[in-house]
Amino acid sequence: MRYVTGVYWCRGRSARENQDAVVLQQVLTRRGRVLMAAVCDGMGGIAAGEEASGYAAGQLREWFYRDLLPMLRRRKRFWVIRRSLDRLVFHMQSQLKQYAAGEEIALGTTMTVVVLWEKTYLLWHLGDSRAYRLQGRQIAQLTTDHVHDGDKLTKCLGSFGYFKPQHRMGVLRRGEGILLCTDGFRRQMAKQELGDVLHFDRRRLPAAGEEEQITRRLGEIGEACMKRGETDNLSAVYVKCCM
């Protein structure tokens, strides 16, 4: 099993700073290939949004090497892995709340994470970033937007109390992909447009050209969003499963 991947991370044309953070880690082990991807979107208009998203991304990277890989080596069940990340989310929540109280500020970030081990994926989600599953040109949203009245977050990681993440588990087959993206990357695009742009015939490309194609097409989506008036930061990670 192998994965081809692409990352897009852009401040945008009018935002003063980028409050998004992305994660993409991949390791080949004796028990197969393991990948973790995440997007975190610091809450716009709130102090230290980039600090919240950056902190969450850093903690996820540490967890990948410190906890996830050893659990897989010891053949731990998936519910044990899920519980381990749940504990990390609770710890991050406590640390952010303590930091915010000391600085007398409010801060928060969305968090959408996927772990892939061979064909199996585990998904964690808080907020209005999204995860999509792509099968050819078909695209399906895997996550629920935790919002009220259109754009007010009802769940996030931050200084507002603990929220239990949304969990999902499934199998990713050959040729299928998972797209993680912040709201700025998809708000100006119809869902089917994302699927159409990211669909291409890999048989016409050299092996090394597939990742270049993914990165280029993510960039095309980002540029289209900004031309349509998007003012937020734009971030995405796309992972496609290949044999």
Protein backbone atom coordinates (compact mmCIF):
# COMPACT_ATOMS: atom_id res chain seq x y z
CA MET A 1 0.00 0.00 0.00
CA ARG A 2 1.16 3.54 -0.75
CA TYR A 3 -0.40 6.98 -0.60
CA VAL A 4 0.05 9.99 -2.85
CA THR A 5 -0.48 13.31 -1.11
CA GLY A 6 -0.68 17.05 -1.63
CA VAL A 7 -0.81 20.07 0.70
CA TYR A 8 -2.11 23.60 0.18
CA TRP A 9 -1.52 26.33 2.79
CA CYS A 10 -2.21 29.96 1.91
CA ARG A 11 -2.76 33.14 3.93
CA GLY A 12 -5.11 34.47 1.27
CA ARG A 13 -5.13 37.84 -0.41
CA SER A 14 -6.54 40.00 2.37
CA ALA A 15 -5.90 38.24 5.69
CA ARG A 16 -3.10 39.79 7.74
CA GLU A 17 -1.85 36.43 9.04
CA ASN A 18 -2.41 32.72 8.50
CA GLN A 19 -4.26 31.18 11.44
CA ASP A 20 -4.43 27.73 9.79
CA ALA A 21 -2.07 24.86 10.55
CA VAL A 22 -1.65 21.61 8.62
CA VAL A 23 -0.09 18.26 9.50
CA LEU A 24 1.08 15.45 7.21
CA GLN A 25 3.17 12.62 8.68
CA GLN A 26 3.90 9.29 7.00
CA VAL A 27 6.01 6.33 8.11
CA LEU A 28 6.61 2.88 6.59
CA THR A 29 6.65 0.27 9.37
CA ARG A 30 7.04 -3.50 9.43
CA ARG A 31 3.28 -3.73 9.78
CA GLY A 32 2.50 -1.42 6.88
CA ARG A 33 2.36 2.25 6.02
CA VAL A 34 0.93 4.69 8.56
CA LEU A 35 -0.18 8.24 7.73
CA MET A 36 -1.69 11.06 9.74
CA ALA A 37 -3.10 14.26 8.24
CA ALA A 38 -4.83 17.19 9.94
CA VAL A 39 -6.08 20.71 9.37
CA CYS A 40 -6.60 23.17 12.23
CA ASP A 41 -8.20 26.58 11.72
CA GLY A 42 -7.62 29.17 14.45
CA MET A 43 -10.79 31.08 15.18
CA GLY A 44 -10.75 34.30 13.20
CA GLY A 45 -11.31 37.52 15.12
CA ILE A 46 -10.12 35.96 18.38
CA ALA A 47 -6.72 36.67 19.87
CA ALA A 48 -4.02 34.05 19.34
CA GLY A 49 -5.96 31.94 16.84
CA GLU A 50 -2.70 30.99 15.14
CA GLU A 51 -1.27 29.97 18.53
CA ALA A 52 -4.19 27.62 19.18
CA SER A 53 -3.97 25.97 15.75
CA GLY A 54 -0.18 25.74 15.88
CA TYR A 55 -0.28 24.21 19.35
CA ALA A 56 -2.83 21.60 18.25
CA ALA A 57 -0.77 20.70 15.16
CA GLY A 58 2.40 20.34 17.25
CA GLN A 59 0.69 18.10 19.79
CA LEU A 60 -0.68 15.88 17.04
CA ARG A 61 2.79 15.44 15.53
CA GLU A 62 4.20 14.44 18.92
CA TRP A 63 1.34 12.00 19.51
CA PHE A 64 1.96 10.35 16.12
CA TYR A 65 5.53 9.35 17.02
CA ARG A 66 5.23 9.01 20.79
CA ASP A 67 1.95 7.09 21.03
CA LEU A 68 0.44 6.01 17.71
CA LEU A 69 3.40 4.16 16.18
CA PRO A 70 4.16 2.19 19.39
CA MET A 71 0.48 1.23 19.69
CA LEU A 72 0.46 -0.11 16.14
CA ARG A 73 3.66 -2.04 16.75
CA ARG A 74 2.00 -3.66 19.78
CA ARG A 75 -1.08 -4.47 17.66
CA LYS A 76 -3.45 -2.40 19.77
CA ARG A 77 -7.07 -2.36 18.70
CA PHE A 78 -8.55 0.67 16.98
CA TRP A 79 -10.72 1.62 19.94
CA VAL A 80 -7.54 1.90 22.03
CA ILE A 81 -6.04 4.27 19.46
CA ARG A 82 -9.22 6.33 19.38
CA ARG A 83 -9.27 6.59 23.15
CA SER A 84 -5.62 7.67 23.15
CA LEU A 85 -6.35 10.61 20.85
CA ASP A 86 -9.44 11.45 22.89
CA ARG A 87 -7.17 11.78 25.93
CA LEU A 88 -4.84 14.03 23.95
CA VAL A 89 -7.76 16.25 22.92
CA PHE A 90 -8.83 16.56 26.56
CA HIS A 91 -5.25 17.43 27.56
CA MET A 92 -4.97 20.07 24.82
CA GLN A 93 -8.29 21.54 25.90
CA SER A 94 -7.07 21.83 29.50
CA GLN A 95 -3.76 23.43 28.47
CA LEU A 96 -5.42 25.97 26.17
CA LYS A 97 -7.96 26.87 28.86
CA GLN A 98 -5.17 27.39 31.39
CA TYR A 99 -3.16 29.51 28.95
CA ALA A 100 -6.17 31.63 28.03
CA ALA A 101 -6.99 32.26 31.68
CA GLY A 102 -3.43 33.39 32.38
CA GLU A 103 -3.41 35.74 29.38
CA GLU A 104 -7.02 36.84 29.97
CA ILE A 105 -8.00 36.01 26.40
CA ALA A 106 -10.26 33.55 24.56
CA LEU A 107 -8.79 31.32 21.87
CA GLY A 108 -9.78 28.30 19.86
CA THR A 109 -9.24 26.21 16.75
CA THR A 110 -11.09 23.67 14.66
CA MET A 111 -9.44 20.25 14.35
CA THR A 112 -10.04 17.60 11.69
CA VAL A 113 -7.67 14.61 11.82
CA VAL A 114 -7.42 11.37 9.88
CA VAL A 115 -5.13 8.42 10.63
CA LEU A 116 -4.60 5.86 7.85
CA TRP A 117 -3.10 2.45 8.51
CA GLU A 118 -2.97 0.53 5.25
CA LYS A 119 -6.63 0.70 4.09
CA THR A 120 -8.32 1.58 7.39
CA TYR A 121 -8.97 5.19 8.35
CA LEU A 122 -9.92 6.74 11.70
CA LEU A 123 -11.34 10.26 11.75
CA TRP A 124 -11.63 12.84 14.57
CA HIS A 125 -13.39 16.17 14.06
CA LEU A 126 -14.34 19.37 15.88
CA GLY A 127 -15.59 22.54 14.19
CA ASP A 128 -16.35 23.61 10.62
CA SER A 129 -13.30 22.35 8.79
CA ARG A 130 -14.28 19.31 6.74
CA ALA A 131 -13.28 15.85 5.59
CA TYR A 132 -14.48 14.53 2.23
CA ARG A 133 -14.16 11.08 0.69
CA LEU A 134 -13.54 11.02 -3.06
CA GLN A 135 -14.33 8.04 -5.32
CA GLY A 136 -13.63 9.02 -8.92
CA ARG A 137 -15.69 12.16 -9.45
CA GLN A 138 -18.03 11.26 -6.60
CA ILE A 139 -17.50 13.16 -3.36
CA ALA A 140 -19.15 12.70 0.04
CA GLN A 141 -18.76 14.77 3.20
CA LEU A 142 -17.59 12.64 6.14
CA THR A 143 -17.86 15.26 8.88
CA THR A 144 -20.64 17.32 10.41
CA ASP A 145 -20.26 21.12 10.56
CA HIS A 146 -20.47 22.14 14.20
CA VAL A 147 -22.06 25.53 13.56
CA HIS A 148 -25.18 27.50 14.44
CA ASP A 149 -26.87 30.29 12.47
CA GLY A 150 -24.66 29.65 9.46
CA ASP A 151 -21.20 30.45 10.79
CA LYS A 152 -21.10 30.42 14.62
CA LEU A 153 -19.01 27.52 15.92
CA THR A 154 -20.72 25.29 18.46
CA LYS A 155 -17.73 22.98 18.99
CA CYS A 156 -13.99 23.63 18.82
CA LEU A 157 -10.75 23.01 20.66
CA GLY A 158 -9.95 25.91 22.98
CA SER A 159 -10.80 27.86 26.09
CA PHE A 160 -14.56 27.22 26.08
CA GLY A 161 -14.91 23.86 27.80
CA TYR A 162 -14.44 20.29 26.57
CA PHE A 163 -16.37 18.98 23.56
CA LYS A 164 -16.32 15.32 22.55
CA PRO A 165 -15.00 14.98 18.97
CA GLN A 166 -16.96 13.36 16.15
CA HIS A 167 -15.49 9.94 15.34
CA ARG A 168 -15.68 7.91 12.17
CA MET A 169 -14.00 4.76 10.89
CA GLY A 170 -13.93 3.21 7.43
CA VAL A 171 -11.94 1.61 4.63
CA LEU A 172 -10.22 3.49 1.81
CA ARG A 173 -9.94 1.45 -1.37
CA ARG A 174 -7.55 1.77 -4.28
CA GLY A 175 -8.05 5.00 -6.18
CA GLU A 176 -10.10 6.63 -3.40
CA GLY A 177 -8.98 9.70 -1.50
CA ILE A 178 -9.66 11.83 1.57
CA LEU A 179 -9.62 15.63 1.44
CA LEU A 180 -9.26 17.63 4.66
CA CYS A 181 -9.81 21.36 4.35
CA THR A 182 -10.58 24.50 6.31
CA ASP A 183 -13.73 26.49 5.62
CA GLY A 184 -11.87 29.07 3.54
CA PHE A 185 -10.83 26.39 1.05
CA ARG A 186 -14.35 25.12 0.36
CA ARG A 187 -16.77 27.96 1.15
CA GLN A 188 -16.77 29.39 -2.40
CA MET A 189 -16.81 25.97 -4.08
CA ALA A 190 -19.71 23.61 -4.63
CA LYS A 191 -18.93 20.16 -3.28
CA GLN A 192 -19.02 18.59 -6.75
CA GLU A 193 -16.56 21.18 -8.04
CA LEU A 194 -14.00 19.90 -5.55
CA GLY A 195 -14.52 16.35 -6.78
CA ASP A 196 -14.28 17.36 -10.44
CA VAL A 197 -11.05 19.33 -10.03
CA LEU A 198 -9.33 16.62 -7.98
CA HIS A 199 -10.29 13.84 -10.40
CA PHE A 200 -7.74 12.90 -13.06
CA ASP A 201 -6.52 9.80 -14.90
CA ARG A 202 -3.32 8.70 -13.18
CA ARG A 203 -2.57 6.24 -15.99
CA ARG A 204 -1.46 9.16 -18.16
CA LEU A 205 1.04 10.37 -15.58
CA PRO A 206 4.46 9.10 -14.49
CA ALA A 207 4.56 7.81 -10.89
CA ALA A 208 6.29 10.95 -9.65
CA GLY A 209 3.83 13.18 -11.49
CA GLU A 210 0.74 12.20 -9.50
CA GLU A 211 1.70 14.14 -6.39
CA GLU A 212 2.64 17.14 -8.53
CA GLN A 213 -0.79 16.94 -10.17
CA ILE A 214 -2.56 16.84 -6.80
CA THR A 215 -0.60 19.83 -5.50
CA ARG A 216 -1.31 21.79 -8.69
CA ARG A 217 -5.03 21.08 -8.53
CA LEU A 218 -5.26 22.05 -4.88
CA GLY A 219 -3.64 25.33 -5.92
CA GLU A 220 -6.23 25.78 -8.68
CA ILE A 221 -9.02 25.41 -6.15
CA GLY A 222 -7.38 27.91 -3.83
CA GLU A 223 -6.96 30.46 -6.62
CA ALA A 224 -10.57 29.99 -7.74
CA CYS A 225 -11.81 30.58 -4.19
CA MET A 226 -9.87 33.84 -3.91
CA LYS A 227 -11.11 35.03 -7.31
CA ARG A 228 -14.66 34.41 -6.09
CA GLY A 229 -14.08 36.67 -3.11
CA GLU A 230 -12.77 34.42 -0.34
CA THR A 231 -11.01 36.52 2.33
CA ASP A 232 -10.13 33.79 4.85
CA ASN A 233 -7.02 31.60 5.08
CA LEU A 234 -7.13 28.51 2.84
CA SER A 235 -5.65 25.13 3.75
CA ALA A 236 -6.09 21.55 2.54
CA VAL A 237 -4.46 18.12 2.67
CA TYR A 238 -5.38 15.46 0.10
CA VAL A 239 -4.45 11.80 0.51
CA LYS A 240 -5.09 9.23 -2.23
CA CYS A 241 -4.78 5.48 -1.77
CA CYS A 242 -2.74 3.51 -4.33
CA MET A 243 -1.55 -0.08 -4.44
